[in-house]
Amino acid sequence: MGAKRGWDRREFLRTAIGAATATSLSGFLPLRAQQLPRGQKAVVVTFGGGARDEETFAPEGQENIPHMLSELIPQSTFFTQVINHGILGHYVATASLATGAYETFNNFAQTPPDNPTVFEYFRKDLKRPAHDAWIVAPSNGFNRIGASDRRGFGPELGAEVLLPKQLLAAAMGGKSGNDYEHLLRDNYESPLYTSAVGGGSGSHDAEIEKVADILKLSVDDFTSHARSLASPDELSVFIARQLMRQLSPSLLWITLHDIDIAHSGAYSLYLDGIRRSDRLCSDIWKAIETDPEYKGKTTMFILPDFGRDSDISPGGNGFQHHRTGDALSRTTWMMVLGPGVRQNAVVDRPVDSLDLVPTLGSLLGFSPTYAKGSPLREVL
């Protein structure tokens, strides 16, 4: 079934972008590493909660992803079958993507990954400063994702983690309001509201002052911008773009989360999340291509952490959840754009979601010792 789905998706893409001559990379010669520019950077965008083919690449869903189909895929190498064999929970799955090893901790526990993260490998091997690796994460549960506790690695070598919901809550000063209170919903999988920030007002003030200083914004600037945004993902991309402008980190990881509102059971909101994610990915690529610090030397990876259940899976809830472990919930896709990456190319062979970290290692020049995946030769 996986092979058939991969072939179908490829056909969807050929039809959608008029790429009757789209290149298949079943057999090819890899690009030479020396073709990559100096100061190579990488931006990784993941989706907390994937979107099924029915709402995206299938003919009936293509209207939801116009930016990916018309702008991004024609510039990318597109992997049609990226398989996640691990736990289908957003924090643990994203941690697995970031370590290159399937993590097994409780998805709702605030614990660091067991294995070293891509950020630790990057900073340790390349001797990069703390401000050169950042994560913009969707919820409070992601605050430990920047580093493991593995001996020889650890927080002193990890990424800086920005949680925009915490910043917004701090800017609000504990007040609520109908215009933006929904942005603080920490976990779409829980029926209960969870506060995005703990601690007293002193910790709120200290946190927002620290980040406002990093982003070269006043507290009033941040509050004004943050309250004008329509979703948590809009807020995350706003923060990420400020980081790019002010610090130009070489390794930036952005996790989008709006699609996961599907857990509420509202199909229209799920589609809105897909459309917004599609637009925001385009916005991020445009920011890369118009920033002199990034243009021409940045590889961008876009991939969901996993999929969602089939409508016909016993025990599943269709688009609403990812409980069954069926093919749809485990099989996603990835597109890669950047210098030296073949454009308008399709890779049909199944690859593992763990392959991301080894690929980043080969691209940027570090050795992910404990990662289990393999570098993706099609983009190196």
Protein backbone atom coordinates (compact mmCIF):
# COMPACT_ATOMS: atom_id res chain seq x y z
CA MET A 1 0.00 0.00 0.00
CA GLY A 2 2.87 2.36 0.79
CA ALA A 3 4.30 2.01 -2.72
CA LYS A 4 0.92 2.68 -4.30
CA ARG A 5 0.41 5.79 -2.18
CA GLY A 6 3.86 7.05 -3.14
CA TRP A 7 3.11 6.57 -6.84
CA ASP A 8 -0.32 8.22 -6.53
CA ARG A 9 1.14 11.25 -4.81
CA ARG A 10 3.73 11.61 -7.55
CA GLU A 11 0.97 11.55 -10.15
CA PHE A 12 -0.95 14.19 -8.17
CA LEU A 13 2.09 16.45 -8.26
CA ARG A 14 2.69 15.98 -11.98
CA THR A 15 -0.92 16.93 -12.68
CA ALA A 16 -0.99 19.86 -10.28
CA ILE A 17 2.19 21.64 -11.40
CA GLY A 18 2.16 20.57 -15.04
CA ALA A 19 5.44 18.74 -14.54
CA ALA A 20 5.07 16.04 -17.13
CA THR A 21 8.85 15.83 -17.24
CA ALA A 22 9.43 15.95 -13.47
CA THR A 23 12.69 14.23 -12.67
CA SER A 24 12.66 10.91 -10.85
CA LEU A 25 15.70 10.30 -8.69
CA SER A 26 15.60 6.51 -8.59
CA GLY A 27 19.12 6.37 -9.99
CA PHE A 28 21.42 9.39 -10.07
CA LEU A 29 24.82 10.73 -9.23
CA PRO A 30 24.94 12.68 -5.94
CA LEU A 31 25.91 16.32 -5.95
CA ARG A 32 29.38 17.13 -4.73
CA ALA A 33 29.62 18.66 -1.27
CA GLN A 34 32.09 21.28 -2.50
CA GLN A 35 29.35 22.84 -4.59
CA LEU A 36 27.71 24.14 -1.42
CA PRO A 37 28.54 27.74 -0.46
CA ARG A 38 30.50 28.69 2.61
CA GLY A 39 28.47 29.66 5.66
CA GLN A 40 25.84 27.06 4.83
CA LYS A 41 22.64 27.41 6.87
CA ALA A 42 19.61 25.19 7.43
CA VAL A 43 16.00 25.96 8.33
CA VAL A 44 13.74 23.06 9.33
CA VAL A 45 9.95 23.49 9.41
CA THR A 46 7.89 20.71 10.94
CA PHE A 47 4.11 20.38 11.35
CA GLY A 48 2.71 19.30 14.68
CA GLY A 49 -0.08 17.16 13.27
CA GLY A 50 0.17 16.18 9.66
CA ALA A 51 -2.38 16.58 6.91
CA ARG A 52 -3.67 13.67 4.85
CA ASP A 53 -3.43 13.35 1.07
CA GLU A 54 -7.22 13.80 0.83
CA GLU A 55 -6.88 17.39 2.06
CA THR A 56 -3.59 18.23 0.31
CA PHE A 57 -2.02 16.41 -2.65
CA ALA A 58 -5.06 14.50 -3.92
CA PRO A 59 -7.01 16.39 -6.62
CA GLU A 60 -9.81 17.29 -4.23
CA GLY A 61 -7.37 18.73 -1.69
CA GLN A 62 -4.95 20.68 -3.87
CA GLU A 63 -6.84 23.94 -3.44
CA ASN A 64 -5.66 23.93 0.18
CA ILE A 65 -1.94 24.03 -0.67
CA PRO A 66 -1.54 26.50 -3.56
CA HIS A 67 1.82 27.84 -2.35
CA MET A 68 3.41 24.43 -1.99
CA LEU A 69 2.18 23.29 -5.39
CA SER A 70 2.93 26.42 -7.41
CA GLU A 71 5.93 27.91 -5.58
CA LEU A 72 7.77 25.43 -3.37
CA ILE A 73 7.52 21.98 -4.96
CA PRO A 74 8.76 23.19 -8.37
CA GLN A 75 11.92 24.39 -6.60
CA SER A 76 12.37 21.30 -4.46
CA THR A 77 13.32 17.66 -4.29
CA PHE A 78 10.13 16.05 -2.99
CA PHE A 79 10.13 12.79 -1.01
CA THR A 80 6.75 11.08 -1.37
CA GLN A 81 7.16 8.45 1.37
CA VAL A 82 8.63 9.51 4.70
CA ILE A 83 7.80 6.85 7.28
CA ASN A 84 7.59 7.44 11.03
CA HIS A 85 7.98 4.13 12.91
CA GLY A 86 7.90 5.72 16.36
CA ILE A 87 5.37 7.05 18.87
CA LEU A 88 2.76 9.29 17.23
CA GLY A 89 2.69 12.09 19.80
CA HIS A 90 3.80 15.58 18.87
CA TYR A 91 6.52 16.29 21.41
CA VAL A 92 8.03 12.80 21.35
CA ALA A 93 7.80 12.61 17.54
CA THR A 94 9.39 16.03 17.08
CA ALA A 95 12.11 15.04 19.55
CA SER A 96 12.73 11.92 17.44
CA LEU A 97 13.06 14.07 14.33
CA ALA A 98 15.52 16.30 16.19
CA THR A 99 17.68 13.43 17.50
CA GLY A 100 17.56 11.00 14.60
CA ALA A 101 16.57 8.23 17.02
CA TYR A 102 13.09 7.13 18.06
CA GLU A 103 12.46 8.55 21.51
CA THR A 104 10.20 6.58 23.84
CA PHE A 105 9.33 8.92 26.70
CA ASN A 106 5.81 9.96 27.69
CA ASN A 107 4.60 12.48 25.12
CA PHE A 108 3.14 14.70 27.84
CA ALA A 109 6.15 14.63 30.16
CA GLN A 110 8.40 17.66 30.30
CA THR A 111 11.59 15.69 29.85
CA PRO A 112 14.58 16.12 27.55
CA PRO A 113 15.25 13.66 24.73
CA ASP A 114 17.31 10.61 25.67
CA ASN A 115 19.61 11.04 22.68
CA PRO A 116 21.69 14.06 21.68
CA THR A 117 19.87 16.53 19.47
CA VAL A 118 20.93 17.90 16.12
CA PHE A 119 21.65 21.18 17.89
CA GLU A 120 24.14 19.57 20.28
CA TYR A 121 25.95 17.78 17.45
CA PHE A 122 26.04 21.00 15.44
CA ARG A 123 27.39 23.18 18.22
CA LYS A 124 29.84 20.62 19.61
CA ASP A 125 31.45 19.49 16.35
CA LEU A 126 31.51 22.90 14.70
CA LYS A 127 32.19 24.86 17.91
CA ARG A 128 29.25 27.15 17.29
CA PRO A 129 28.03 29.71 19.87
CA ALA A 130 24.69 29.43 21.63
CA HIS A 131 23.04 32.11 19.49
CA ASP A 132 23.66 30.10 16.27
CA ALA A 133 21.02 27.40 16.96
CA TRP A 134 17.40 28.20 17.81
CA ILE A 135 14.04 26.45 18.11
CA VAL A 136 10.68 28.20 17.85
CA ALA A 137 8.26 25.72 19.39
CA PRO A 138 4.47 25.66 19.64
CA SER A 139 3.76 24.90 23.28
CA ASN A 140 5.03 24.79 26.82
CA GLY A 141 5.66 21.04 26.57
CA PHE A 142 8.48 21.67 24.10
CA ASN A 143 10.63 23.65 26.52
CA ARG A 144 13.10 20.74 26.97
CA ILE A 145 13.56 19.88 23.31
CA GLY A 146 16.70 21.95 22.82
CA ALA A 147 19.11 19.50 24.43
CA SER A 148 19.45 16.04 25.94
CA ASP A 149 21.01 15.02 29.24
CA ARG A 150 23.47 12.70 27.48
CA ARG A 151 26.93 12.76 28.96
CA GLY A 152 29.31 14.74 26.79
CA PHE A 153 26.44 16.80 25.38
CA GLY A 154 23.65 18.51 27.36
CA PRO A 155 22.08 21.98 27.71
CA GLU A 156 25.40 23.82 27.50
CA LEU A 157 25.59 22.62 23.88
CA GLY A 158 21.89 22.82 23.07
CA ALA A 159 19.68 25.23 21.17
CA GLU A 160 17.98 28.28 22.55
CA VAL A 161 14.24 27.53 22.75
CA LEU A 162 11.64 30.22 22.20
CA LEU A 163 8.03 29.46 23.14
CA PRO A 164 5.94 32.26 21.61
CA LYS A 165 2.90 31.36 23.71
CA GLN A 166 4.93 32.00 26.83
CA LEU A 167 5.99 35.35 25.47
CA LEU A 168 2.44 36.32 24.61
CA ALA A 169 1.21 35.29 28.07
CA ALA A 170 4.00 37.36 29.61
CA ALA A 171 3.08 40.33 27.46
CA MET A 172 -0.54 39.95 28.56
CA GLY A 173 0.53 40.10 32.20
CA GLY A 174 -1.94 37.38 33.19
CA LYS A 175 -4.93 39.15 31.62
CA SER A 176 -7.36 37.40 29.31
CA GLY A 177 -9.11 38.65 26.22
CA ASN A 178 -11.27 37.24 23.48
CA ASP A 179 -8.96 38.55 20.74
CA TYR A 180 -5.99 36.38 21.62
CA GLU A 181 -6.77 34.09 24.54
CA HIS A 182 -7.23 31.19 22.08
CA LEU A 183 -3.57 31.59 21.10
CA LEU A 184 -2.55 30.30 24.52
CA ARG A 185 -4.23 26.92 24.16
CA ASP A 186 -1.24 24.70 24.89
CA ASN A 187 -2.36 21.30 23.67
CA TYR A 188 -5.12 20.54 21.18
CA GLU A 189 -5.18 16.91 22.31
CA SER A 190 -6.38 17.79 25.80
CA PRO A 191 -10.01 18.82 26.42
CA LEU A 192 -8.81 21.07 29.25
CA TYR A 193 -7.23 24.49 28.85
CA THR A 194 -3.59 24.48 29.88
CA SER A 195 -1.78 27.69 30.78
CA ALA A 196 1.26 28.31 28.62
CA VAL A 197 3.28 29.87 31.42
CA GLY A 198 3.91 29.01 35.03
CA GLY A 199 5.37 31.16 37.74
CA GLY A 200 4.62 34.67 38.94
CA SER A 201 4.59 38.03 37.21
CA GLY A 202 8.27 38.53 37.98
CA SER A 203 9.24 35.55 35.87
CA HIS A 204 6.87 36.77 33.11
CA ASP A 205 8.52 40.19 33.05
CA ALA A 206 12.03 38.75 33.08
CA GLU A 207 11.28 36.37 30.22
CA ILE A 208 9.72 38.91 27.90
CA GLU A 209 12.38 41.51 28.68
CA LYS A 210 15.09 38.99 27.81
CA VAL A 211 13.51 38.02 24.51
CA ALA A 212 12.55 41.60 23.63
CA ASP A 213 16.21 42.49 24.04
CA ILE A 214 17.30 39.57 21.81
CA LEU A 215 14.79 40.53 19.12
CA LYS A 216 15.54 44.26 19.44
CA LEU A 217 11.92 44.98 20.27
CA SER A 218 10.42 46.89 23.15
CA VAL A 219 7.85 45.09 25.26
CA ASP A 220 5.19 47.35 23.74
CA ASP A 221 6.37 46.45 20.22
CA PHE A 222 6.13 42.76 20.95
CA THR A 223 2.73 43.07 22.61
CA SER A 224 1.37 45.11 19.71
CA HIS A 225 2.60 42.64 17.09
CA ALA A 226 1.71 39.52 19.03
CA ARG A 227 -1.86 40.58 19.75
CA SER A 228 -2.46 41.35 16.09
CA LEU A 229 -1.65 37.83 14.93
CA ALA A 230 -4.39 35.38 14.01
CA SER A 231 -2.96 32.09 15.26
CA PRO A 232 -0.16 30.48 17.30
CA ASP A 233 1.66 29.66 14.06
CA GLU A 234 1.47 33.27 12.87
CA LEU A 235 3.05 34.21 16.18
CA SER A 236 5.78 31.58 15.79
CA VAL A 237 6.72 32.74 12.29
CA PHE A 238 6.75 36.37 13.42
CA ILE A 239 9.23 35.43 16.14
CA ALA A 240 11.31 33.30 13.74
CA ARG A 241 11.61 36.14 11.24
CA GLN A 242 12.74 38.49 13.98
CA LEU A 243 15.41 35.96 14.95
CA MET A 244 16.56 35.76 11.34
CA ARG A 245 16.81 39.54 11.06
CA GLN A 246 18.63 40.09 14.35
CA LEU A 247 20.82 37.00 14.87
CA SER A 248 20.86 35.10 11.54
CA PRO A 249 21.23 31.67 13.22
CA SER A 250 22.79 28.97 11.06
CA LEU A 251 20.41 26.29 12.35
CA LEU A 252 16.78 27.33 12.87
CA TRP A 253 13.98 24.88 13.66
CA ILE A 254 10.34 26.04 13.50
CA THR A 255 7.48 23.79 14.56
CA LEU A 256 4.02 24.76 13.32
CA HIS A 257 1.02 23.46 15.21
CA ASP A 258 -2.24 24.96 13.91
CA ILE A 259 -3.16 21.88 11.86
CA ASP A 260 -3.49 19.90 15.06
CA ILE A 261 -6.69 21.75 15.90
CA ALA A 262 -8.16 18.77 14.01
CA HIS A 263 -8.35 17.11 17.46
CA SER A 264 -11.30 19.41 18.18
CA GLY A 265 -13.25 17.60 15.47
CA ALA A 266 -13.87 20.79 13.45
CA TYR A 267 -13.05 19.92 9.84
CA SER A 268 -13.21 23.56 8.72
CA LEU A 269 -10.61 24.59 11.30
CA TYR A 270 -8.39 21.70 10.23
CA LEU A 271 -8.55 22.96 6.63
CA ASP A 272 -7.80 26.48 7.82
CA GLY A 273 -4.72 25.13 9.57
CA ILE A 274 -3.53 23.45 6.38
CA ARG A 275 -4.02 26.60 4.32
CA ARG A 276 -2.24 28.74 6.89
CA SER A 277 0.68 26.32 7.13
CA ASP A 278 0.94 26.33 3.34
CA ARG A 279 1.13 30.13 3.28
CA LEU A 280 3.54 30.38 6.20
CA CYS A 281 5.97 27.93 4.59
CA SER A 282 5.98 30.16 1.53
CA ASP A 283 6.53 33.21 3.76
CA ILE A 284 9.51 31.57 5.44
CA TRP A 285 11.11 30.66 2.09
CA LYS A 286 10.55 34.22 0.82
CA ALA A 287 12.20 35.54 3.99
CA ILE A 288 15.18 33.27 3.30
CA GLU A 289 15.42 34.36 -0.32
CA THR A 290 15.26 38.10 0.49
CA ASP A 291 17.69 38.13 3.43
CA PRO A 292 21.34 38.56 2.38
CA GLU A 293 22.45 36.45 5.35
CA TYR A 294 20.39 33.48 4.07
CA LYS A 295 19.90 33.87 0.33
CA GLY A 296 21.85 31.39 -1.76
CA LYS A 297 23.28 29.45 1.19
CA THR A 298 20.27 28.06 3.06
CA THR A 299 18.68 24.63 2.70
CA MET A 300 15.09 24.43 3.91
CA PHE A 301 13.44 21.17 4.96
CA ILE A 302 9.64 21.00 5.31
CA LEU A 303 7.95 17.89 6.74
CA PRO A 304 5.08 16.83 9.02
CA ASP A 305 5.99 14.90 12.17
CA PHE A 306 3.48 12.19 11.11
CA GLY A 307 0.09 11.87 9.43
CA ARG A 308 -3.51 11.34 10.53
CA ASP A 309 -5.88 8.36 10.57
CA SER A 310 -7.70 7.03 7.53
CA ASP A 311 -11.47 7.39 7.45
CA ILE A 312 -11.78 3.60 7.18
CA SER A 313 -9.31 2.56 9.91
CA PRO A 314 -10.99 0.53 12.71
CA GLY A 315 -10.59 2.38 15.98
CA GLY A 316 -9.56 5.61 14.30
CA ASN A 317 -11.30 8.94 13.98
CA GLY A 318 -10.27 9.95 10.48
CA PHE A 319 -8.75 13.41 10.16
CA GLN A 320 -9.35 14.11 13.85
CA HIS A 321 -6.66 11.86 15.36
CA HIS A 322 -3.54 9.78 14.76
CA ARG A 323 -4.18 6.79 17.00
CA THR A 324 -4.21 3.72 14.80
CA GLY A 325 -0.66 3.54 13.48
CA ASP A 326 -2.06 2.81 10.01
CA ALA A 327 -0.28 3.75 6.78
CA LEU A 328 -1.86 7.20 6.60
CA SER A 329 -0.88 8.09 10.16
CA ARG A 330 2.72 6.99 9.63
CA THR A 331 3.42 7.99 6.03
CA THR A 332 4.09 11.64 5.24
CA TRP A 333 6.33 13.60 2.86
CA MET A 334 9.23 16.02 2.83
CA MET A 335 10.40 18.74 0.49
CA VAL A 336 13.93 20.13 0.41
CA LEU A 337 14.86 23.44 -1.21
CA GLY A 338 18.17 25.25 -1.46
CA PRO A 339 21.49 25.63 -3.26
CA GLY A 340 22.57 22.44 -4.99
CA VAL A 341 19.20 20.74 -4.44
CA ARG A 342 17.61 19.46 -7.65
CA GLN A 343 14.44 21.30 -8.54
CA ASN A 344 11.15 19.71 -9.63
CA ALA A 345 12.44 16.26 -8.63
CA VAL A 346 10.49 13.41 -7.04
CA VAL A 347 11.89 10.62 -4.84
CA ASP A 348 9.52 7.66 -4.65
CA ARG A 349 11.61 5.32 -2.48
CA PRO A 350 10.51 5.01 1.17
CA VAL A 351 12.76 6.89 3.58
CA ASP A 352 12.73 7.06 7.37
CA SER A 353 11.86 10.20 9.31
CA LEU A 354 15.10 9.59 11.25
CA ASP A 355 17.08 10.36 8.08
CA LEU A 356 16.71 14.10 8.67
CA VAL A 357 19.47 14.50 11.27
CA PRO A 358 22.13 12.50 9.36
CA THR A 359 21.26 14.55 6.26
CA LEU A 360 21.73 17.78 8.19
CA GLY A 361 25.01 16.40 9.51
CA SER A 362 26.32 15.70 6.01
CA LEU A 363 25.10 19.07 4.80
CA LEU A 364 26.53 21.20 7.60
CA GLY A 365 29.58 19.10 8.46
CA PHE A 366 28.94 17.44 11.83
CA SER A 367 28.75 13.78 12.91
CA PRO A 368 25.47 12.67 14.58
CA THR A 369 27.03 9.73 16.43
CA TYR A 370 23.88 8.31 18.03
CA ALA A 371 21.45 8.97 15.16
CA LYS A 372 19.94 5.87 13.57
CA GLY A 373 18.97 7.18 10.15
CA SER A 374 20.99 7.58 6.97
CA PRO A 375 21.86 10.70 4.95
CA LEU A 376 19.51 11.30 2.04
CA ARG A 377 21.85 11.07 -0.92
CA GLU A 378 19.35 12.81 -3.23
CA VAL A 379 19.92 16.21 -1.60
CA LEU A 380 23.66 15.97 -0.85
